[in-house]
């Protein structure tokens, strides 16, 4: 059964969504992310994908207090990303209540450091693999590298990474459906990977199709905030 993982993206302490990672295309959905997290929990949600977008820009954790408040006021299992670039950021994230952290740009730029995190924290480290045209993108999606996506994931899989969040940037926030073919390709190449789909989910049928494809988890953002997917529709996946 696919894991349902709603997303809360934070800018200046507020719950927002971007389109294709563009900070100029920001919609504020709630001034209080804790309210959003509590609503998720009240509707049977167990997991949360929390992203510090200020941190991603600043290259260090900024909104740790939001993480702390949600972890203290709910029982959600939180994977936290955005701005984790150092041992100190990692310490802050776990001390503030993150269940897991997502290593994104840092996994490209400082491979040895991230390998040390994997060795120490094992399955508490998720690989964040953001992609454009099947190449890895970094720095809050501002830079597309020449690193092939599947080769990159396979490399970290061989080092002990179990989970990877794969976001097709071209689909993020535009409600045009997930990158089903890309995910199938990844599953074929790395079948044991716990693959988390991110970007493009627009209706419950997308979730059903990902579940039928045996995807491990799905991150849902704008579709929930805009009422395109109702909590009642998700209940069959929340047992």
C-alpha atoms as a PDB file:
ATOM      1  CA  UNK A   1       0.000   0.000   0.000  1.00  0.00           C
ATOM      2  CA  UNK A   2       1.404   3.365  -1.004  1.00  0.00           C
ATOM      3  CA  UNK A   3       2.347   5.814   1.779  1.00  0.00           C
ATOM      4  CA  UNK A   4       0.469   9.122   1.616  1.00  0.00           C
ATOM      5  CA  UNK A   5       2.819  11.981   2.477  1.00  0.00           C
ATOM      6  CA  UNK A   6       1.364  15.497   2.325  1.00  0.00           C
ATOM      7  CA  UNK A   7       3.815  18.334   1.876  1.00  0.00           C
ATOM      8  CA  UNK A   8       4.181  21.573   3.767  1.00  0.00           C
ATOM      9  CA  UNK A   9       6.578  24.037   2.167  1.00  0.00           C
ATOM     10  CA  UNK A  10       7.662  26.943   4.344  1.00  0.00           C
ATOM     11  CA  UNK A  11       8.605  30.476   3.347  1.00  0.00           C
ATOM     12  CA  UNK A  12       8.856  33.130   6.075  1.00  0.00           C
ATOM     13  CA  UNK A  13       7.046  30.849   8.493  1.00  0.00           C
ATOM     14  CA  UNK A  14       4.031  30.401   6.204  1.00  0.00           C
ATOM     15  CA  UNK A  15       2.669  27.386   4.355  1.00  0.00           C
ATOM     16  CA  UNK A  16       3.121  27.985   0.621  1.00  0.00           C
ATOM     17  CA  UNK A  17       3.312  26.185  -2.713  1.00  0.00           C
ATOM     18  CA  UNK A  18       5.481  27.101  -5.663  1.00  0.00           C
ATOM     19  CA  UNK A  19       5.112  26.279  -9.339  1.00  0.00           C
ATOM     20  CA  UNK A  20       8.094  24.414 -10.819  1.00  0.00           C
ATOM     21  CA  UNK A  21      10.173  25.616  -7.875  1.00  0.00           C
ATOM     22  CA  UNK A  22       9.795  29.277  -8.910  1.00  0.00           C
ATOM     23  CA  UNK A  23       9.865  31.461  -5.801  1.00  0.00           C
ATOM     24  CA  UNK A  24       8.170  34.282  -7.735  1.00  0.00           C
ATOM     25  CA  UNK A  25       5.149  32.001  -8.287  1.00  0.00           C
ATOM     26  CA  UNK A  26       4.279  31.628  -4.625  1.00  0.00           C
ATOM     27  CA  UNK A  27       0.808  30.976  -3.240  1.00  0.00           C
ATOM     28  CA  UNK A  28       0.299  31.296   0.518  1.00  0.00           C
ATOM     29  CA  UNK A  29      -2.195  28.694   1.706  1.00  0.00           C
ATOM     30  CA  UNK A  30      -1.981  29.238   5.439  1.00  0.00           C
ATOM     31  CA  UNK A  31      -0.171  31.652   7.744  1.00  0.00           C
ATOM     32  CA  UNK A  32       0.169  28.870  10.332  1.00  0.00           C
ATOM     33  CA  UNK A  33       1.776  25.598   9.176  1.00  0.00           C
ATOM     34  CA  UNK A  34       1.003  23.964  12.520  1.00  0.00           C
ATOM     35  CA  UNK A  35      -2.723  24.325  11.802  1.00  0.00           C
ATOM     36  CA  UNK A  36      -2.202  22.556   8.481  1.00  0.00           C
ATOM     37  CA  UNK A  37      -0.219  19.748  10.116  1.00  0.00           C
ATOM     38  CA  UNK A  38      -2.903  19.255  12.764  1.00  0.00           C
ATOM     39  CA  UNK A  39      -5.579  19.064  10.072  1.00  0.00           C
ATOM     40  CA  UNK A  40      -3.562  16.382   8.301  1.00  0.00           C
ATOM     41  CA  UNK A  41      -3.233  14.389  11.520  1.00  0.00           C
ATOM     42  CA  UNK A  42      -6.939  14.804  12.358  1.00  0.00           C
ATOM     43  CA  UNK A  43      -7.736  13.230   8.972  1.00  0.00           C
ATOM     44  CA  UNK A  44      -5.641  10.128   9.556  1.00  0.00           C
ATOM     45  CA  UNK A  45      -2.370  11.237   7.976  1.00  0.00           C
ATOM     46  CA  UNK A  46       0.735   9.746   9.607  1.00  0.00           C
ATOM     47  CA  UNK A  47       3.571  11.220   7.555  1.00  0.00           C
ATOM     48  CA  UNK A  48       4.661  14.726   6.589  1.00  0.00           C
ATOM     49  CA  UNK A  49       7.161  16.074   4.074  1.00  0.00           C
ATOM     50  CA  UNK A  50       8.312  19.427   5.493  1.00  0.00           C
ATOM     51  CA  UNK A  51      10.495  21.656   3.322  1.00  0.00           C
ATOM     52  CA  UNK A  52      12.293  24.796   4.466  1.00  0.00           C
ATOM     53  CA  UNK A  53      12.348  26.833   1.249  1.00  0.00           C
ATOM     54  CA  UNK A  54      14.095  29.737   2.975  1.00  0.00           C
ATOM     55  CA  UNK A  55      16.714  27.243   4.073  1.00  0.00           C
ATOM     56  CA  UNK A  56      17.127  25.891   0.559  1.00  0.00           C
ATOM     57  CA  UNK A  57      17.927  29.422  -0.622  1.00  0.00           C
ATOM     58  CA  UNK A  58      20.092  30.326   2.366  1.00  0.00           C
ATOM     59  CA  UNK A  59      21.959  26.988   2.283  1.00  0.00           C
ATOM     60  CA  UNK A  60      21.317  26.466   5.979  1.00  0.00           C
ATOM     61  CA  UNK A  61      18.255  25.628   8.060  1.00  0.00           C
ATOM     62  CA  UNK A  62      16.100  28.686   8.722  1.00  0.00           C
ATOM     63  CA  UNK A  63      12.629  27.520   9.772  1.00  0.00           C
ATOM     64  CA  UNK A  64      13.667  24.985  12.396  1.00  0.00           C
ATOM     65  CA  UNK A  65      11.098  26.446  14.807  1.00  0.00           C
ATOM     66  CA  UNK A  66       8.261  25.320  12.512  1.00  0.00           C
ATOM     67  CA  UNK A  67       9.666  21.802  12.517  1.00  0.00           C
ATOM     68  CA  UNK A  68       9.931  21.903  16.291  1.00  0.00           C
ATOM     69  CA  UNK A  69       6.367  23.101  16.821  1.00  0.00           C
ATOM     70  CA  UNK A  70       4.875  20.478  14.495  1.00  0.00           C
ATOM     71  CA  UNK A  71       6.923  17.671  16.027  1.00  0.00           C
ATOM     72  CA  UNK A  72       5.888  18.714  19.542  1.00  0.00           C
ATOM     73  CA  UNK A  73       2.210  19.307  18.784  1.00  0.00           C
ATOM     74  CA  UNK A  74       1.530  16.287  16.526  1.00  0.00           C
ATOM     75  CA  UNK A  75       2.563  12.655  16.233  1.00  0.00           C
ATOM     76  CA  UNK A  76       3.376  12.962  12.537  1.00  0.00           C
ATOM     77  CA  UNK A  77       6.534  11.296  11.290  1.00  0.00           C
ATOM     78  CA  UNK A  78       8.340  14.176   9.626  1.00  0.00           C
ATOM     79  CA  UNK A  79      10.921  14.015   6.887  1.00  0.00           C
ATOM     80  CA  UNK A  80      12.600  17.399   6.742  1.00  0.00           C
ATOM     81  CA  UNK A  81      14.566  18.996   3.943  1.00  0.00           C
ATOM     82  CA  UNK A  82      15.746  22.350   2.691  1.00  0.00           C
ATOM     83  CA  UNK A  83      19.045  23.897   3.723  1.00  0.00           C
ATOM     84  CA  UNK A  84      20.645  20.845   5.315  1.00  0.00           C
ATOM     85  CA  UNK A  85      24.233  21.449   4.300  1.00  0.00           C
ATOM     86  CA  UNK A  86      26.339  20.707   7.398  1.00  0.00           C
ATOM     87  CA  UNK A  87      26.648  18.561  10.501  1.00  0.00           C
ATOM     88  CA  UNK A  88      25.198  21.461  12.469  1.00  0.00           C
ATOM     89  CA  UNK A  89      22.130  21.614  10.223  1.00  0.00           C
ATOM     90  CA  UNK A  90      21.704  17.864  10.666  1.00  0.00           C
ATOM     91  CA  UNK A  91      21.940  18.232  14.439  1.00  0.00           C
ATOM     92  CA  UNK A  92      19.349  21.029  14.418  1.00  0.00           C
ATOM     93  CA  UNK A  93      16.965  19.006  12.262  1.00  0.00           C
ATOM     94  CA  UNK A  94      17.016  15.902  14.450  1.00  0.00           C
ATOM     95  CA  UNK A  95      17.038  17.921  17.686  1.00  0.00           C
ATOM     96  CA  UNK A  96      13.996  19.861  16.428  1.00  0.00           C
ATOM     97  CA  UNK A  97      12.053  16.662  15.865  1.00  0.00           C
ATOM     98  CA  UNK A  98      12.692  15.391  12.347  1.00  0.00           C
ATOM     99  CA  UNK A  99      12.153  11.642  12.019  1.00  0.00           C
ATOM    100  CA  UNK A 100      14.211  11.612   8.833  1.00  0.00           C
ATOM    101  CA  UNK A 101      16.080  14.191   6.773  1.00  0.00           C
ATOM    102  CA  UNK A 102      16.227  14.598   3.025  1.00  0.00           C
ATOM    103  CA  UNK A 103      19.687  15.129   1.555  1.00  0.00           C
ATOM    104  CA  UNK A 104      19.272  17.087  -1.670  1.00  0.00           C
ATOM    105  CA  UNK A 105      21.913  19.441  -3.079  1.00  0.00           C
ATOM    106  CA  UNK A 106      24.389  18.471  -0.377  1.00  0.00           C
ATOM    107  CA  UNK A 107      24.416  14.894  -1.704  1.00  0.00           C
ATOM    108  CA  UNK A 108      25.745  16.230  -5.008  1.00  0.00           C
ATOM    109  CA  UNK A 109      28.196  18.744  -3.595  1.00  0.00           C
ATOM    110  CA  UNK A 110      29.605  16.930  -0.565  1.00  0.00           C
ATOM    111  CA  UNK A 111      29.282  13.241  -1.231  1.00  0.00           C
ATOM    112  CA  UNK A 112      31.702  12.130   1.489  1.00  0.00           C
ATOM    113  CA  UNK A 113      29.800  14.100   4.127  1.00  0.00           C
ATOM    114  CA  UNK A 114      26.476  12.541   3.123  1.00  0.00           C
ATOM    115  CA  UNK A 115      28.046   9.081   3.048  1.00  0.00           C
ATOM    116  CA  UNK A 116      29.123   9.672   6.671  1.00  0.00           C
ATOM    117  CA  UNK A 117      25.519  10.575   7.513  1.00  0.00           C
ATOM    118  CA  UNK A 118      24.249   7.396   5.872  1.00  0.00           C
ATOM    119  CA  UNK A 119      26.806   5.350   7.822  1.00  0.00           C
ATOM    120  CA  UNK A 120      25.755   6.967  11.113  1.00  0.00           C
ATOM    121  CA  UNK A 121      21.997   7.460  10.706  1.00  0.00           C
ATOM    122  CA  UNK A 122      21.183   4.625   8.265  1.00  0.00           C
ATOM    123  CA  UNK A 123      17.550   4.763   7.153  1.00  0.00           C
ATOM    124  CA  UNK A 124      16.988   8.206   8.669  1.00  0.00           C
ATOM    125  CA  UNK A 125      18.577   9.691   5.540  1.00  0.00           C
ATOM    126  CA  UNK A 126      16.452   9.979   2.390  1.00  0.00           C
ATOM    127  CA  UNK A 127      17.982  10.908  -0.948  1.00  0.00           C
ATOM    128  CA  UNK A 128      16.320  13.922  -2.541  1.00  0.00           C
ATOM    129  CA  UNK A 129      16.725  13.520  -6.300  1.00  0.00           C
ATOM    130  CA  UNK A 130      15.240  16.488  -8.140  1.00  0.00           C
ATOM    131  CA  UNK A 131      15.378  16.147 -11.881  1.00  0.00           C
ATOM    132  CA  UNK A 132      14.906  17.983 -15.137  1.00  0.00           C
ATOM    133  CA  UNK A 133      15.118  15.979 -18.362  1.00  0.00           C
ATOM    134  CA  UNK A 134      16.446  13.066 -16.278  1.00  0.00           C
ATOM    135  CA  UNK A 135      19.405  15.118 -15.044  1.00  0.00           C
ATOM    136  CA  UNK A 136      19.924  16.084 -11.395  1.00  0.00           C
ATOM    137  CA  UNK A 137      19.004  19.639 -10.396  1.00  0.00           C
ATOM    138  CA  UNK A 138      20.345  21.422  -7.313  1.00  0.00           C
ATOM    139  CA  UNK A 139      20.376  24.754  -5.454  1.00  0.00           C
ATOM    140  CA  UNK A 140      16.606  25.087  -5.068  1.00  0.00           C
ATOM    141  CA  UNK A 141      16.294  23.886  -8.685  1.00  0.00           C
ATOM    142  CA  UNK A 142      18.267  26.830 -10.059  1.00  0.00           C
ATOM    143  CA  UNK A 143      21.039  24.647 -11.508  1.00  0.00           C
ATOM    144  CA  UNK A 144      20.690  21.542 -13.675  1.00  0.00           C
ATOM    145  CA  UNK A 145      23.803  19.385 -13.617  1.00  0.00           C
ATOM    146  CA  UNK A 146      25.118  16.880 -16.165  1.00  0.00           C
ATOM    147  CA  UNK A 147      24.578  14.014 -13.691  1.00  0.00           C
ATOM    148  CA  UNK A 148      22.162  11.357 -14.993  1.00  0.00           C
ATOM    149  CA  UNK A 149      19.336  10.731 -12.520  1.00  0.00           C
ATOM    150  CA  UNK A 150      19.297   6.932 -12.472  1.00  0.00           C
ATOM    151  CA  UNK A 151      23.078   6.630 -12.325  1.00  0.00           C
ATOM    152  CA  UNK A 152      23.064   9.072  -9.391  1.00  0.00           C
ATOM    153  CA  UNK A 153      20.397   7.177  -7.451  1.00  0.00           C
ATOM    154  CA  UNK A 154      22.087   3.836  -8.146  1.00  0.00           C
ATOM    155  CA  UNK A 155      25.332   5.195  -6.716  1.00  0.00           C
ATOM    156  CA  UNK A 156      23.703   6.137  -3.442  1.00  0.00           C
ATOM    157  CA  UNK A 157      21.697   2.925  -3.365  1.00  0.00           C
ATOM    158  CA  UNK A 158      24.962   1.003  -3.430  1.00  0.00           C
ATOM    159  CA  UNK A 159      26.095   3.042  -0.404  1.00  0.00           C
ATOM    160  CA  UNK A 160      23.060   2.186   1.697  1.00  0.00           C
ATOM    161  CA  UNK A 161      20.312   4.646   0.776  1.00  0.00           C
ATOM    162  CA  UNK A 162      16.934   2.880   0.940  1.00  0.00           C
ATOM    163  CA  UNK A 163      14.516   5.727   0.110  1.00  0.00           C
ATOM    164  CA  UNK A 164      14.614   8.369  -2.599  1.00  0.00           C
ATOM    165  CA  UNK A 165      12.205  11.215  -3.259  1.00  0.00           C
ATOM    166  CA  UNK A 166      12.226  11.825  -7.009  1.00  0.00           C
ATOM    167  CA  UNK A 167      10.713  15.118  -8.137  1.00  0.00           C
ATOM    168  CA  UNK A 168      10.231  15.881 -11.809  1.00  0.00           C
ATOM    169  CA  UNK A 169      10.568  19.658 -11.691  1.00  0.00           C
ATOM    170  CA  UNK A 170       8.589  20.181 -14.877  1.00  0.00           C
ATOM    171  CA  UNK A 171       5.554  18.656 -13.155  1.00  0.00           C
ATOM    172  CA  UNK A 172       5.860  20.236  -9.726  1.00  0.00           C
ATOM    173  CA  UNK A 173       2.891  22.374  -8.760  1.00  0.00           C
ATOM    174  CA  UNK A 174       1.246  22.278 -12.187  1.00  0.00           C
ATOM    175  CA  UNK A 175      -1.226  19.421 -11.535  1.00  0.00           C
ATOM    176  CA  UNK A 176      -0.515  17.652 -14.825  1.00  0.00           C
ATOM    177  CA  UNK A 177       0.037  14.184 -13.404  1.00  0.00           C
ATOM    178  CA  UNK A 178       3.131  12.382 -12.063  1.00  0.00           C
ATOM    179  CA  UNK A 179       6.051  11.177 -14.168  1.00  0.00           C
ATOM    180  CA  UNK A 180       4.766   7.592 -14.360  1.00  0.00           C
ATOM    181  CA  UNK A 181       7.137   6.502 -17.126  1.00  0.00           C
ATOM    182  CA  UNK A 182      10.173   7.929 -15.341  1.00  0.00           C
ATOM    183  CA  UNK A 183       9.246   6.133 -12.134  1.00  0.00           C
ATOM    184  CA  UNK A 184       8.760   2.871 -13.989  1.00  0.00           C
ATOM    185  CA  UNK A 185      12.213   3.277 -15.513  1.00  0.00           C
ATOM    186  CA  UNK A 186      13.736   3.819 -12.072  1.00  0.00           C
ATOM    187  CA  UNK A 187      11.887   0.795 -10.681  1.00  0.00           C
ATOM    188  CA  UNK A 188      13.199  -1.357 -13.520  1.00  0.00           C
ATOM    189  CA  UNK A 189      16.787  -0.218 -12.945  1.00  0.00           C
ATOM    190  CA  UNK A 190      16.726  -0.235  -9.100  1.00  0.00           C
ATOM    191  CA  UNK A 191      13.840  -2.529  -8.143  1.00  0.00           C
ATOM    192  CA  UNK A 192      14.483  -2.638  -4.395  1.00  0.00           C
ATOM    193  CA  UNK A 193      14.539   1.156  -3.999  1.00  0.00           C
ATOM    194  CA  UNK A 194      11.787   2.628  -1.832  1.00  0.00           C
ATOM    195  CA  UNK A 195      10.737   5.204  -4.406  1.00  0.00           C
ATOM    196  CA  UNK A 196       8.699   8.232  -3.341  1.00  0.00           C
ATOM    197  CA  UNK A 197       6.955  10.046  -6.181  1.00  0.00           C
ATOM    198  CA  UNK A 198       6.772  13.825  -6.013  1.00  0.00           C
ATOM    199  CA  UNK A 199       5.299  16.384  -8.379  1.00  0.00           C
ATOM    200  CA  UNK A 200       2.231  16.562 -10.576  1.00  0.00           C
ATOM    201  CA  UNK A 201      -0.330  14.656  -8.497  1.00  0.00           C
ATOM    202  CA  UNK A 202      -3.670  16.256  -9.348  1.00  0.00           C
ATOM    203  CA  UNK A 203      -6.408  13.716  -8.571  1.00  0.00           C
ATOM    204  CA  UNK A 204      -7.033  10.510  -6.657  1.00  0.00           C
ATOM    205  CA  UNK A 205      -6.658   8.504  -9.872  1.00  0.00           C
ATOM    206  CA  UNK A 206      -2.991   9.557  -9.949  1.00  0.00           C
ATOM    207  CA  UNK A 207      -2.525   8.068  -6.499  1.00  0.00           C
ATOM    208  CA  UNK A 208      -4.372   4.907  -7.541  1.00  0.00           C
ATOM    209  CA  UNK A 209      -2.127   4.520 -10.570  1.00  0.00           C
ATOM    210  CA  UNK A 210       1.055   5.036  -8.525  1.00  0.00           C
ATOM    211  CA  UNK A 211      -0.199   2.460  -6.018  1.00  0.00           C
ATOM    212  CA  UNK A 212      -0.895   0.000  -8.832  1.00  0.00           C
ATOM    213  CA  UNK A 213       2.661   0.639 -10.021  1.00  0.00           C
ATOM    214  CA  UNK A 214       3.924  -0.408  -6.555  1.00  0.00           C
ATOM    215  CA  UNK A 215       5.413   2.987  -5.773  1.00  0.00           C
ATOM    216  CA  UNK A 216       6.478   3.130  -2.116  1.00  0.00           C
ATOM    217  CA  UNK A 217       5.161   6.612  -1.322  1.00  0.00           C
ATOM    218  CA  UNK A 218       3.670   9.745  -2.843  1.00  0.00           C
ATOM    219  CA  UNK A 219       4.078  13.370  -1.822  1.00  0.00           C
ATOM    220  CA  UNK A 220       0.940  15.443  -2.371  1.00  0.00           C
ATOM    221  CA  UNK A 221       0.820  19.220  -2.108  1.00  0.00           C
ATOM    222  CA  UNK A 222      -1.288  21.553  -4.191  1.00  0.00           C
ATOM    223  CA  UNK A 223      -3.924  18.908  -4.997  1.00  0.00           C
ATOM    224  CA  UNK A 224      -4.837  18.712  -1.298  1.00  0.00           C
ATOM    225  CA  UNK A 225      -4.658  22.457  -0.696  1.00  0.00           C
ATOM    226  CA  UNK A 226      -6.913  23.201  -3.646  1.00  0.00           C
ATOM    227  CA  UNK A 227      -9.409  20.465  -2.811  1.00  0.00           C
ATOM    228  CA  UNK A 228      -8.720  18.352  -5.886  1.00  0.00           C
ATOM    229  CA  UNK A 229      -8.021  15.394  -3.613  1.00  0.00           C
ATOM    230  CA  UNK A 230     -10.229  15.002  -0.542  1.00  0.00           C
ATOM    231  CA  UNK A 231      -9.153  13.321   2.663  1.00  0.00           C
ATOM    232  CA  UNK A 232     -12.109  10.938   2.310  1.00  0.00           C
ATOM    233  CA  UNK A 233     -10.643   9.746  -0.986  1.00  0.00           C
ATOM    234  CA  UNK A 234      -7.317   9.018   0.694  1.00  0.00           C
ATOM    235  CA  UNK A 235      -8.771   7.030   3.582  1.00  0.00           C
ATOM    236  CA  UNK A 236      -8.342   3.658   1.867  1.00  0.00           C
ATOM    237  CA  UNK A 237      -4.584   4.311   1.918  1.00  0.00           C
ATOM    238  CA  UNK A 238      -4.426   5.460   5.547  1.00  0.00           C
ATOM    239  CA  UNK A 239      -5.022   2.172   7.356  1.00  0.00           C
END
